[in-house]
């Protein structure tokens, strides 16, 4: 049975609004021009901090690294089975994920956090 895929999110901002927190992020949705679409989720809470935002992104970054490793394995399997159309789809998806990984690294760099320590 296949595992459900949850795509990592890069959280970039939050707003506290009347006992709720609006978390803004980039996920796996894209605009017509190919840029990641800004999205938001609202959680019930009356407190949130930059540290919590950083921790969320650390967790999401780890998920992204695992996602990439799994997709690399899937790509290899498709190649061995000569399922080149499927391999090409996964390869294109991986390119997006490697670009997303760079966005994470840039975000952490802007926060003065050494990503290699994660």
C-alpha atoms as a PDB file:
ATOM      1  CA  UNK A   1       0.000   0.000   0.000  1.00  0.00           C
ATOM      2  CA  UNK A   2       1.352   3.410  -0.953  1.00  0.00           C
ATOM      3  CA  UNK A   3       1.899   6.043   1.699  1.00  0.00           C
ATOM      4  CA  UNK A   4      -0.041   9.266   1.371  1.00  0.00           C
ATOM      5  CA  UNK A   5       2.222  12.008   0.099  1.00  0.00           C
ATOM      6  CA  UNK A   6       2.203  15.269   1.963  1.00  0.00           C
ATOM      7  CA  UNK A   7       4.201  17.966   0.304  1.00  0.00           C
ATOM      8  CA  UNK A   8       6.438  20.130   2.485  1.00  0.00           C
ATOM      9  CA  UNK A   9       5.536  23.742   3.139  1.00  0.00           C
ATOM     10  CA  UNK A  10       7.855  26.713   3.554  1.00  0.00           C
ATOM     11  CA  UNK A  11       6.304  29.038   6.139  1.00  0.00           C
ATOM     12  CA  UNK A  12       7.340  32.634   5.649  1.00  0.00           C
ATOM     13  CA  UNK A  13       5.019  34.744   7.806  1.00  0.00           C
ATOM     14  CA  UNK A  14       2.370  34.674  10.500  1.00  0.00           C
ATOM     15  CA  UNK A  15      -0.288  37.041  11.772  1.00  0.00           C
ATOM     16  CA  UNK A  16      -2.053  36.900  15.126  1.00  0.00           C
ATOM     17  CA  UNK A  17      -5.770  37.637  14.667  1.00  0.00           C
ATOM     18  CA  UNK A  18      -8.329  37.303  17.522  1.00  0.00           C
ATOM     19  CA  UNK A  19      -7.226  34.002  19.101  1.00  0.00           C
ATOM     20  CA  UNK A  20      -6.135  32.589  15.751  1.00  0.00           C
ATOM     21  CA  UNK A  21      -2.854  32.486  13.901  1.00  0.00           C
ATOM     22  CA  UNK A  22      -2.720  32.864  10.140  1.00  0.00           C
ATOM     23  CA  UNK A  23       0.344  31.010   8.836  1.00  0.00           C
ATOM     24  CA  UNK A  24       1.448  31.968   5.328  1.00  0.00           C
ATOM     25  CA  UNK A  25       3.394  29.417   3.320  1.00  0.00           C
ATOM     26  CA  UNK A  26       4.506  28.177  -0.075  1.00  0.00           C
ATOM     27  CA  UNK A  27       3.484  24.631  -0.880  1.00  0.00           C
ATOM     28  CA  UNK A  28       2.988  22.535  -3.982  1.00  0.00           C
ATOM     29  CA  UNK A  29       0.587  24.874  -5.773  1.00  0.00           C
ATOM     30  CA  UNK A  30       1.836  27.080  -8.609  1.00  0.00           C
ATOM     31  CA  UNK A  31       0.667  30.203 -10.408  1.00  0.00           C
ATOM     32  CA  UNK A  32       0.172  30.279 -14.172  1.00  0.00           C
ATOM     33  CA  UNK A  33       3.693  31.698 -14.465  1.00  0.00           C
ATOM     34  CA  UNK A  34       5.233  28.757 -12.562  1.00  0.00           C
ATOM     35  CA  UNK A  35       5.887  30.521  -9.260  1.00  0.00           C
ATOM     36  CA  UNK A  36       4.867  28.922  -5.997  1.00  0.00           C
ATOM     37  CA  UNK A  37       1.477  30.150  -4.881  1.00  0.00           C
ATOM     38  CA  UNK A  38       1.268  31.881  -1.525  1.00  0.00           C
ATOM     39  CA  UNK A  39      -1.205  30.040   0.674  1.00  0.00           C
ATOM     40  CA  UNK A  40      -2.386  30.280   4.272  1.00  0.00           C
ATOM     41  CA  UNK A  41      -3.782  28.161   7.045  1.00  0.00           C
ATOM     42  CA  UNK A  42      -5.476  29.398  10.204  1.00  0.00           C
ATOM     43  CA  UNK A  43      -4.928  27.693  13.549  1.00  0.00           C
ATOM     44  CA  UNK A  44      -6.666  28.328  16.857  1.00  0.00           C
ATOM     45  CA  UNK A  45      -4.123  29.865  19.174  1.00  0.00           C
ATOM     46  CA  UNK A  46      -3.444  33.189  20.790  1.00  0.00           C
ATOM     47  CA  UNK A  47       0.354  32.959  20.755  1.00  0.00           C
ATOM     48  CA  UNK A  48       2.959  32.282  18.104  1.00  0.00           C
ATOM     49  CA  UNK A  49       6.576  33.354  17.748  1.00  0.00           C
ATOM     50  CA  UNK A  50       9.431  33.540  15.278  1.00  0.00           C
ATOM     51  CA  UNK A  51      10.991  30.566  17.084  1.00  0.00           C
ATOM     52  CA  UNK A  52       7.909  28.485  16.377  1.00  0.00           C
ATOM     53  CA  UNK A  53       8.023  29.530  12.730  1.00  0.00           C
ATOM     54  CA  UNK A  54      11.654  28.444  12.570  1.00  0.00           C
ATOM     55  CA  UNK A  55      10.807  25.105  14.199  1.00  0.00           C
ATOM     56  CA  UNK A  56       7.975  24.529  11.721  1.00  0.00           C
ATOM     57  CA  UNK A  57      10.380  25.103   8.847  1.00  0.00           C
ATOM     58  CA  UNK A  58      12.996  22.806  10.372  1.00  0.00           C
ATOM     59  CA  UNK A  59      10.398  20.045  10.460  1.00  0.00           C
ATOM     60  CA  UNK A  60       9.235  20.811   6.923  1.00  0.00           C
ATOM     61  CA  UNK A  61      12.835  20.882   5.670  1.00  0.00           C
ATOM     62  CA  UNK A  62      13.445  17.411   7.122  1.00  0.00           C
ATOM     63  CA  UNK A  63      10.253  16.218   5.407  1.00  0.00           C
ATOM     64  CA  UNK A  64      11.478  17.696   2.136  1.00  0.00           C
ATOM     65  CA  UNK A  65      14.790  15.845   2.395  1.00  0.00           C
ATOM     66  CA  UNK A  66      12.952  12.553   3.020  1.00  0.00           C
ATOM     67  CA  UNK A  67      10.581  13.275   0.142  1.00  0.00           C
ATOM     68  CA  UNK A  68      13.521  13.844  -2.223  1.00  0.00           C
ATOM     69  CA  UNK A  69      15.237  10.610  -1.140  1.00  0.00           C
ATOM     70  CA  UNK A  70      12.042   8.617  -1.730  1.00  0.00           C
ATOM     71  CA  UNK A  71      11.430  10.192  -5.125  1.00  0.00           C
ATOM     72  CA  UNK A  72      15.025   9.465  -6.183  1.00  0.00           C
ATOM     73  CA  UNK A  73      14.394   5.783  -5.368  1.00  0.00           C
ATOM     74  CA  UNK A  74      11.123   5.811  -7.321  1.00  0.00           C
ATOM     75  CA  UNK A  75      12.919   7.386 -10.293  1.00  0.00           C
ATOM     76  CA  UNK A  76      15.548   4.614 -10.209  1.00  0.00           C
ATOM     77  CA  UNK A  77      12.868   1.927 -10.085  1.00  0.00           C
ATOM     78  CA  UNK A  78      11.075   3.422 -13.085  1.00  0.00           C
ATOM     79  CA  UNK A  79      14.362   3.568 -14.959  1.00  0.00           C
ATOM     80  CA  UNK A  80      15.180  -0.087 -14.231  1.00  0.00           C
ATOM     81  CA  UNK A  81      11.689  -1.126 -15.334  1.00  0.00           C
ATOM     82  CA  UNK A  82      12.069   1.016 -18.475  1.00  0.00           C
ATOM     83  CA  UNK A  83       9.020   3.072 -17.528  1.00  0.00           C
ATOM     84  CA  UNK A  84      10.547   6.170 -19.009  1.00  0.00           C
ATOM     85  CA  UNK A  85       7.383   8.288 -19.133  1.00  0.00           C
ATOM     86  CA  UNK A  86       6.840   7.821 -15.406  1.00  0.00           C
ATOM     87  CA  UNK A  87      10.534   8.358 -14.744  1.00  0.00           C
ATOM     88  CA  UNK A  88      10.362  11.657 -16.625  1.00  0.00           C
ATOM     89  CA  UNK A  89       7.413  12.837 -14.516  1.00  0.00           C
ATOM     90  CA  UNK A  90       9.253  12.030 -11.292  1.00  0.00           C
ATOM     91  CA  UNK A  91      12.418  13.654 -12.633  1.00  0.00           C
ATOM     92  CA  UNK A  92      10.540  16.888 -13.356  1.00  0.00           C
ATOM     93  CA  UNK A  93       8.959  16.774  -9.904  1.00  0.00           C
ATOM     94  CA  UNK A  94      12.400  16.303  -8.365  1.00  0.00           C
ATOM     95  CA  UNK A  95      13.699  19.389 -10.151  1.00  0.00           C
ATOM     96  CA  UNK A  96      10.948  21.393  -8.471  1.00  0.00           C
ATOM     97  CA  UNK A  97      11.781  19.851  -5.104  1.00  0.00           C
ATOM     98  CA  UNK A  98      15.497  20.624  -5.453  1.00  0.00           C
ATOM     99  CA  UNK A  99      14.567  24.223  -6.261  1.00  0.00           C
ATOM    100  CA  UNK A 100      12.291  24.238  -3.219  1.00  0.00           C
ATOM    101  CA  UNK A 101      15.180  22.935  -1.119  1.00  0.00           C
ATOM    102  CA  UNK A 102      17.198  25.942  -2.265  1.00  0.00           C
ATOM    103  CA  UNK A 103      14.341  28.239  -1.235  1.00  0.00           C
ATOM    104  CA  UNK A 104      14.438  26.660   2.221  1.00  0.00           C
ATOM    105  CA  UNK A 105      18.194  27.141   2.423  1.00  0.00           C
ATOM    106  CA  UNK A 106      17.826  30.781   1.408  1.00  0.00           C
ATOM    107  CA  UNK A 107      15.110  31.309   4.020  1.00  0.00           C
ATOM    108  CA  UNK A 108      17.283  29.786   6.758  1.00  0.00           C
ATOM    109  CA  UNK A 109      20.258  31.832   5.609  1.00  0.00           C
ATOM    110  CA  UNK A 110      18.151  35.004   5.893  1.00  0.00           C
ATOM    111  CA  UNK A 111      17.291  33.937   9.445  1.00  0.00           C
ATOM    112  CA  UNK A 112      21.021  33.444  10.202  1.00  0.00           C
ATOM    113  CA  UNK A 113      20.516  29.721  10.778  1.00  0.00           C
ATOM    114  CA  UNK A 114      23.119  27.267   9.563  1.00  0.00           C
ATOM    115  CA  UNK A 115      21.105  24.710   7.606  1.00  0.00           C
ATOM    116  CA  UNK A 116      23.809  22.035   7.580  1.00  0.00           C
ATOM    117  CA  UNK A 117      23.291  21.753  11.324  1.00  0.00           C
ATOM    118  CA  UNK A 118      19.757  20.491  10.665  1.00  0.00           C
END
